[in-house]
Protein backbone atom coordinates (compact mmCIF):
# COMPACT_ATOMS: atom_id res chain seq x y z
CA UNK A 1 28.39 -51.19 -40.98
CA UNK A 2 27.47 -54.87 -40.74
CA UNK A 3 26.03 -56.51 -37.66
CA UNK A 4 28.25 -56.22 -34.60
CA UNK A 5 30.64 -59.04 -35.38
CA UNK A 6 34.17 -58.31 -36.67
CA UNK A 7 34.92 -59.51 -40.17
CA UNK A 8 31.55 -61.03 -40.97
CA UNK A 9 30.39 -60.85 -44.58
CA UNK A 10 26.97 -59.40 -45.32
CA UNK A 11 25.40 -62.30 -47.15
CA UNK A 12 27.80 -65.27 -47.01
CA UNK A 13 28.97 -67.42 -44.08
CA UNK A 14 25.57 -68.85 -43.19
CA UNK A 15 26.79 -70.53 -39.99
CA UNK A 16 28.04 -67.23 -38.56
CA UNK A 17 24.80 -65.50 -39.54
CA UNK A 18 22.76 -68.19 -37.80
CA UNK A 19 24.75 -67.71 -34.60
CA UNK A 20 24.00 -64.00 -34.84
CA UNK A 21 20.34 -64.74 -35.51
CA UNK A 22 20.08 -66.81 -32.34
CA UNK A 23 20.51 -63.60 -30.35
CA UNK A 24 17.79 -61.75 -32.23
CA UNK A 25 14.28 -61.67 -30.78
CA UNK A 26 11.58 -59.42 -32.23
CA UNK A 27 12.70 -56.22 -33.84
CA UNK A 28 16.46 -55.67 -34.06
CA UNK A 29 18.02 -52.31 -34.84
CA UNK A 30 20.97 -52.16 -37.23
CA UNK A 31 23.25 -49.39 -38.39
CA UNK A 32 22.95 -49.80 -42.14
CA UNK A 33 23.42 -52.96 -44.16
CA UNK A 34 22.90 -56.22 -42.27
CA UNK A 35 22.77 -59.94 -43.17
CA UNK A 36 19.38 -60.63 -44.69
CA UNK A 37 18.75 -64.20 -43.50
CA UNK A 38 19.21 -64.56 -39.72
CA UNK A 39 16.56 -67.14 -38.95
CA UNK A 40 14.88 -65.33 -36.05
CA UNK A 41 14.98 -61.81 -37.51
CA UNK A 42 11.46 -60.40 -37.83
CA UNK A 43 12.19 -56.76 -38.55
CA UNK A 44 14.78 -54.02 -38.35
CA UNK A 45 15.50 -50.36 -38.78
CA UNK A 46 17.42 -50.14 -42.03
CA UNK A 47 19.47 -47.09 -42.99
CA UNK A 48 20.24 -46.92 -46.69
CA UNK A 49 18.77 -50.31 -47.58
CA UNK A 50 20.01 -52.26 -50.61
CA UNK A 51 18.04 -53.31 -53.65
CA UNK A 52 18.34 -56.90 -54.91
CA UNK A 53 21.66 -57.27 -56.74
CA UNK A 54 23.04 -54.04 -55.26
CA UNK A 55 26.21 -53.81 -53.17
CA UNK A 56 27.46 -51.29 -50.62
CA UNK A 57 30.14 -50.34 -53.15
CA UNK A 58 27.43 -49.55 -55.70
CA UNK A 59 25.78 -47.16 -53.25
CA UNK A 60 28.96 -45.42 -52.09
CA UNK A 61 30.04 -45.06 -55.73
CA UNK A 62 27.16 -42.65 -56.28
CA UNK A 63 28.87 -40.15 -53.99
CA UNK A 64 32.34 -39.54 -55.49
CA UNK A 65 33.12 -36.76 -53.02
CA UNK A 66 32.59 -38.99 -50.00
CA UNK A 67 35.24 -38.84 -47.27
CA UNK A 68 34.90 -42.56 -46.57
CA UNK A 69 37.34 -44.06 -49.08
CA UNK A 70 40.49 -42.13 -48.09
CA UNK A 71 39.66 -42.58 -44.39
CA UNK A 72 39.72 -46.40 -44.43
CA UNK A 73 42.61 -48.28 -42.80
CA UNK A 74 43.03 -51.96 -43.78
CA UNK A 75 44.09 -54.75 -41.43
CA UNK A 76 44.35 -58.54 -41.72
CA UNK A 77 42.24 -60.92 -39.62
CA UNK A 78 41.44 -64.63 -39.57
CA UNK A 79 37.93 -65.80 -40.35
CA UNK A 80 36.11 -68.56 -38.50
CA UNK A 81 37.44 -70.95 -41.16
CA UNK A 82 41.04 -70.01 -40.38
CA UNK A 83 41.51 -68.06 -43.62
CA UNK A 84 43.14 -64.64 -43.83
CA UNK A 85 40.96 -61.75 -44.93
CA UNK A 86 41.03 -57.95 -44.92
CA UNK A 87 38.96 -55.82 -42.58
CA UNK A 88 38.62 -52.04 -42.64
CA UNK A 89 38.71 -49.45 -39.88
CA UNK A 90 38.27 -45.69 -40.03
CA UNK A 91 41.52 -43.84 -39.31
CA UNK A 92 41.33 -42.33 -35.83
CA UNK A 93 42.05 -38.77 -36.96
CA UNK A 94 39.42 -38.93 -39.71
CA UNK A 95 36.76 -40.80 -37.73
CA UNK A 96 34.97 -37.64 -36.47
CA UNK A 97 34.55 -36.05 -39.92
CA UNK A 98 33.36 -39.27 -41.58
CA UNK A 99 31.19 -40.83 -38.90
CA UNK A 100 30.39 -38.42 -36.06
CA UNK A 101 30.89 -34.81 -37.12
CA UNK A 102 28.10 -33.64 -34.81
CA UNK A 103 29.66 -35.03 -31.62
CA UNK A 104 32.28 -33.44 -29.34
CA UNK A 105 35.88 -34.61 -29.66
CA UNK A 106 35.89 -36.25 -26.21
CA UNK A 107 33.22 -38.67 -27.45
CA UNK A 108 34.57 -39.28 -30.96
CA UNK A 109 38.01 -40.19 -29.64
CA UNK A 110 36.44 -42.95 -27.54
CA UNK A 111 34.21 -44.08 -30.41
CA UNK A 112 37.18 -44.22 -32.79
CA UNK A 113 39.17 -46.39 -30.38
CA UNK A 114 36.18 -48.72 -29.79
CA UNK A 115 35.02 -49.02 -33.39
CA UNK A 116 34.34 -52.46 -34.87
CA UNK A 117 35.69 -53.16 -38.37
CA UNK A 118 33.90 -54.23 -41.52
CA UNK A 119 35.17 -56.99 -43.80
CA UNK A 120 36.40 -55.56 -47.10
CA UNK A 121 34.45 -58.21 -48.99
CA UNK A 122 31.23 -56.81 -47.53
CA UNK A 123 31.54 -53.76 -49.77
CA UNK A 124 31.49 -55.92 -52.90
CA UNK A 125 28.84 -58.53 -52.09
CA UNK A 126 25.53 -58.12 -53.86
CA UNK A 127 22.33 -58.31 -51.87
CA UNK A 128 20.37 -61.44 -52.88
CA UNK A 129 17.05 -59.80 -51.95
CA UNK A 130 15.59 -56.42 -51.07
CA UNK A 131 14.46 -57.50 -47.63
CA UNK A 132 13.19 -54.01 -46.79
CA UNK A 133 10.21 -54.80 -49.01
CA UNK A 134 8.95 -57.42 -46.57
CA UNK A 135 10.38 -56.28 -43.22
CA UNK A 136 9.51 -53.06 -41.36
CA UNK A 137 11.82 -50.37 -42.66
CA UNK A 138 12.65 -46.68 -42.60
CA UNK A 139 14.05 -46.94 -46.11
CA UNK A 140 12.17 -43.93 -47.49
CA UNK A 141 13.42 -41.70 -44.69
CA UNK A 142 16.97 -42.95 -45.21
CA UNK A 143 16.66 -42.13 -48.93
CA UNK A 144 15.72 -38.52 -48.18
CA UNK A 145 18.46 -38.35 -45.54
CA UNK A 146 21.03 -39.25 -48.21
CA UNK A 147 19.72 -36.48 -50.44
CA UNK A 148 19.73 -33.91 -47.64
CA UNK A 149 23.25 -34.81 -46.52
CA UNK A 150 24.51 -34.05 -50.03
CA UNK A 151 23.15 -30.48 -49.86
CA UNK A 152 25.19 -27.47 -48.81
CA UNK A 153 22.45 -26.16 -46.50
CA UNK A 154 19.52 -27.70 -44.66
CA UNK A 155 16.35 -27.59 -46.75
CA UNK A 156 12.84 -26.45 -45.88
CA UNK A 157 10.58 -29.50 -46.15
CA UNK A 158 6.94 -29.47 -47.26
CA UNK A 159 5.04 -32.74 -47.38
CA UNK A 160 1.47 -33.93 -47.80
CA UNK A 161 -0.13 -36.99 -46.14
CA UNK A 162 2.69 -39.54 -45.61
CA UNK A 163 5.04 -36.93 -47.05
CA UNK A 164 3.99 -34.70 -44.17
CA UNK A 165 4.84 -37.41 -41.66
CA UNK A 166 8.24 -37.86 -43.29
CA UNK A 167 8.83 -34.10 -43.14
CA UNK A 168 8.05 -34.17 -39.40
CA UNK A 169 10.39 -37.10 -38.87
CA UNK A 170 13.28 -35.47 -40.72
CA UNK A 171 12.73 -32.16 -38.89
CA UNK A 172 12.83 -34.02 -35.58
CA UNK A 173 16.22 -35.40 -36.63
CA UNK A 174 17.52 -31.84 -37.21
CA UNK A 175 17.87 -32.46 -40.94
CA UNK A 176 15.79 -29.44 -42.00
CA UNK A 177 15.57 -25.73 -41.24
CA UNK A 178 11.78 -25.95 -41.03
CA UNK A 179 8.92 -28.16 -42.14
CA UNK A 180 5.30 -27.84 -43.22
CA UNK A 181 3.17 -30.97 -42.83
CA UNK A 182 -0.08 -30.78 -44.80
CA UNK A 183 -2.82 -33.23 -43.81
CA UNK A 184 0.02 -35.37 -42.44
CA UNK A 185 -0.50 -39.07 -41.74
CA UNK A 186 -0.77 -39.85 -38.04
CA UNK A 187 2.47 -40.27 -36.15
CA UNK A 188 3.08 -42.64 -33.25
CA UNK A 189 1.17 -41.44 -30.20
CA UNK A 190 -1.85 -40.07 -32.06
CA UNK A 191 -4.94 -41.96 -30.88
CA UNK A 192 -8.07 -40.62 -32.67
CA UNK A 193 -9.30 -42.87 -35.47
CA UNK A 194 -12.36 -41.23 -37.07
CA UNK A 195 -14.80 -43.34 -39.08
CA UNK A 196 -14.07 -41.36 -42.25
CA UNK A 197 -10.40 -42.30 -41.98
CA UNK A 198 -11.32 -45.96 -41.58
CA UNK A 199 -13.54 -45.83 -44.65
CA UNK A 200 -10.87 -44.00 -46.67
CA UNK A 201 -8.27 -46.67 -45.93
CA UNK A 202 -10.59 -49.67 -46.16
CA UNK A 203 -9.53 -50.46 -49.77
CA UNK A 204 -6.07 -51.24 -48.34
CA UNK A 205 -6.97 -52.81 -44.99
CA UNK A 206 -9.72 -55.10 -46.28
CA UNK A 207 -7.07 -57.57 -47.43
CA UNK A 208 -4.04 -58.24 -45.14
CA UNK A 209 -2.06 -59.31 -48.20
CA UNK A 210 -2.12 -55.67 -49.35
CA UNK A 211 0.69 -55.00 -46.88
CA UNK A 212 3.01 -56.40 -49.54
CA UNK A 213 1.16 -55.07 -52.58
CA UNK A 214 0.50 -51.86 -54.43
CA UNK A 215 -3.16 -50.90 -54.23
CA UNK A 216 -5.27 -48.88 -56.67
CA UNK A 217 -8.36 -46.85 -55.76
CA UNK A 218 -11.54 -46.76 -57.82
CA UNK A 219 -12.97 -43.38 -58.80
CA UNK A 220 -15.60 -43.64 -56.07
CA UNK A 221 -12.97 -44.52 -53.45
CA UNK A 222 -10.74 -41.64 -54.58
CA UNK A 223 -13.64 -39.20 -54.54
CA UNK A 224 -14.50 -40.11 -50.95
CA UNK A 225 -10.91 -40.14 -49.66
CA UNK A 226 -9.48 -37.20 -51.62
CA UNK A 227 -12.11 -35.33 -53.62
CA UNK A 228 -15.09 -35.05 -51.29
CA UNK A 229 -14.75 -31.24 -50.95
CA UNK A 230 -14.57 -30.45 -54.67
CA UNK A 231 -17.02 -30.86 -57.59
CA UNK A 232 -17.40 -34.43 -58.88
CA UNK A 233 -16.12 -33.38 -62.30
CA UNK A 234 -12.89 -32.03 -60.81
CA UNK A 235 -12.47 -35.15 -58.66
CA UNK A 236 -12.76 -37.32 -61.79
CA UNK A 237 -10.19 -35.15 -63.58
CA UNK A 238 -7.73 -35.41 -60.70
CA UNK A 239 -8.29 -39.15 -60.53
CA UNK A 240 -7.37 -39.59 -64.19
CA UNK A 241 -4.40 -37.24 -63.95
CA UNK A 242 -2.74 -38.23 -60.69
CA UNK A 243 -3.69 -41.67 -59.37
CA UNK A 244 -1.31 -44.61 -59.56
CA UNK A 245 -1.11 -47.83 -57.49
CA UNK A 246 0.60 -47.14 -54.16
CA UNK A 247 2.20 -49.44 -51.55
CA UNK A 248 -0.06 -50.60 -48.76
CA UNK A 249 2.83 -51.13 -46.36
CA UNK A 250 3.04 -47.57 -44.94
CA UNK A 251 -0.64 -47.66 -43.99
CA UNK A 252 -0.21 -50.94 -42.12
CA UNK A 253 2.86 -49.59 -40.31
CA UNK A 254 1.05 -46.39 -39.32
CA UNK A 255 -1.96 -48.37 -38.08
CA UNK A 256 0.29 -50.46 -35.82
CA UNK A 257 2.46 -47.53 -34.70
CA UNK A 258 1.14 -47.33 -31.14
CA UNK A 259 1.83 -51.02 -30.59
CA UNK A 260 5.39 -50.99 -31.95
CA UNK A 261 8.30 -49.58 -29.90
CA UNK A 262 10.36 -49.03 -33.06
CA UNK A 263 7.60 -47.89 -35.41
CA UNK A 264 8.65 -46.04 -38.58
CA UNK A 265 5.92 -43.54 -37.62
CA UNK A 266 7.76 -42.51 -34.45
CA UNK A 267 8.78 -38.83 -34.50
CA UNK A 268 10.98 -36.95 -32.05
CA UNK A 269 8.29 -34.50 -30.96
CA UNK A 270 10.24 -33.38 -27.89
CA UNK A 271 13.20 -31.92 -29.78
CA UNK A 272 13.60 -28.35 -28.51
CA UNK A 273 16.41 -27.51 -30.93
CA UNK A 274 14.57 -28.31 -34.17
CA UNK A 275 13.36 -25.72 -36.64
CA UNK A 276 9.78 -24.36 -36.86
CA UNK A 277 6.92 -26.67 -37.82
CA UNK A 278 3.56 -25.81 -39.37
CA UNK A 279 0.76 -28.38 -39.27
CA UNK A 280 -2.01 -27.77 -41.83
CA UNK A 281 -5.41 -29.43 -41.67
CA UNK A 282 -8.30 -29.64 -44.10
CA UNK A 283 -11.59 -29.23 -42.26
CA UNK A 284 -13.38 -31.62 -44.63
CA UNK A 285 -10.54 -34.10 -45.02
CA UNK A 286 -11.84 -37.68 -44.84
CA UNK A 287 -8.43 -39.39 -44.98
CA UNK A 288 -6.66 -37.30 -42.31
CA UNK A 289 -9.47 -35.52 -40.47
CA UNK A 290 -8.84 -32.31 -38.57
CA UNK A 291 -9.06 -34.19 -35.25
CA UNK A 292 -6.00 -36.24 -36.23
CA UNK A 293 -3.94 -33.13 -37.02
CA UNK A 294 -4.98 -31.48 -33.74
CA UNK A 295 -4.02 -34.65 -31.88
CA UNK A 296 -0.65 -34.49 -33.66
CA UNK A 297 -0.25 -30.90 -32.46
CA UNK A 298 -0.71 -32.09 -28.86
CA UNK A 299 2.18 -34.52 -29.30
CA UNK A 300 4.49 -31.48 -29.62
CA UNK A 301 3.36 -29.80 -26.40
CA UNK A 302 6.55 -30.89 -24.65
CA UNK A 303 8.77 -29.01 -27.13
CA UNK A 304 9.69 -25.34 -26.84
CA UNK A 305 10.36 -25.14 -30.59
CA UNK A 306 7.85 -23.28 -32.78
CA UNK A 307 4.86 -25.47 -33.66
CA UNK A 308 1.94 -23.77 -35.43
CA UNK A 309 -1.43 -24.98 -36.67
CA UNK A 310 -3.56 -23.71 -39.55
CA UNK A 311 -6.88 -25.02 -40.78
CA UNK A 312 -8.60 -24.67 -44.16
CA UNK A 313 -12.21 -25.38 -43.09
CA UNK A 314 -13.66 -26.17 -46.53
CA UNK A 315 -10.80 -28.26 -47.93
CA UNK A 316 -10.34 -32.01 -48.29
CA UNK A 317 -7.30 -34.27 -48.81
CA UNK A 318 -6.88 -32.99 -52.38
CA UNK A 319 -6.02 -29.46 -51.18
CA UNK A 320 -2.49 -29.55 -52.65
CA UNK A 321 -3.57 -30.57 -56.16
CA UNK A 322 -7.08 -29.20 -56.68
CA UNK A 323 -8.18 -25.76 -57.90
CA UNK A 324 -7.47 -24.14 -54.52
CA UNK A 325 -3.84 -25.16 -54.22
CA UNK A 326 -2.59 -21.57 -54.54
CA UNK A 327 -4.35 -20.61 -51.31
CA UNK A 328 -2.44 -23.33 -49.48
CA UNK A 329 0.84 -22.36 -51.17
CA UNK A 330 0.37 -18.69 -50.23
CA UNK A 331 -0.29 -19.67 -46.62
CA UNK A 332 2.92 -21.70 -46.56
CA UNK A 333 4.96 -18.80 -47.98
CA UNK A 334 3.41 -16.35 -45.52
CA UNK A 335 4.29 -18.61 -42.59
CA UNK A 336 7.86 -19.07 -43.82
CA UNK A 337 8.28 -15.31 -44.22
CA UNK A 338 6.87 -14.70 -40.73
CA UNK A 339 9.54 -17.04 -39.35
CA UNK A 340 12.36 -15.39 -41.34
CA UNK A 341 12.81 -18.44 -43.56
């Protein structure tokens, strides 16, 4: 839905957007698409962000079985210019299934009555820019959320490095049956910052402009950060086979996580109802040292849900792609079986 103003278009009506922007200081949360040019907007949480030239209708069209279309109820309203336009509500009886299926009826009935509409034109307007590329965003998590919501059952998530952090985040949101986070990037609240981790990430952090760039590693940098626990010949082979330029933005966001109240690296570690979680650490990992994973484990001490830890003492950050990957895979399968998954 657009910003909390009835009938506003997503990208037009600059005067109305500026009035909205005057109320925005610092980071502003939004529930989905939002005008991209409020003058005082510095960042936002963005759910299902748009690419440049993409519209909300383009996105919803990818899901032909969506309940949204048939549930919309049109109404006429007057814009700030005195013109008549169409706005859309969710029908009261279909509101729970479309928007709040996980909430009790006593709450959804109130939410349905209090809902704010969206201008019909907002579905068709194309985004002039992909603002999530320059503003803090949870776009990647929202992308996986869309995939998971299209599944018949909750998946089991396994992620490495930043993929491990994302797996933790999605598990904390009850979007998975279980998760395995392998050498996972540090989440908000984790304080240790070993020297090896600083050196591993220096190719990104040495230039602040890399926050908005894709960064490549040299063979020497890759060998130190990923391949320090394997023979040099194997590290060179993995470098040639797997490395591509990668965005610097997630590293900058993770580094600032403990100073940002709405950091993308924030995980609901206190969720008692979530599925089991296994944290795996490589004892020789330079990029995500064992101390970081153990500090992550401590963040879950307030949860009664299953949280396990396993270490591979002689493995580095390449443990999921090097010659010993089967050992890690077998450990994951054994843990899943032990938890009846």
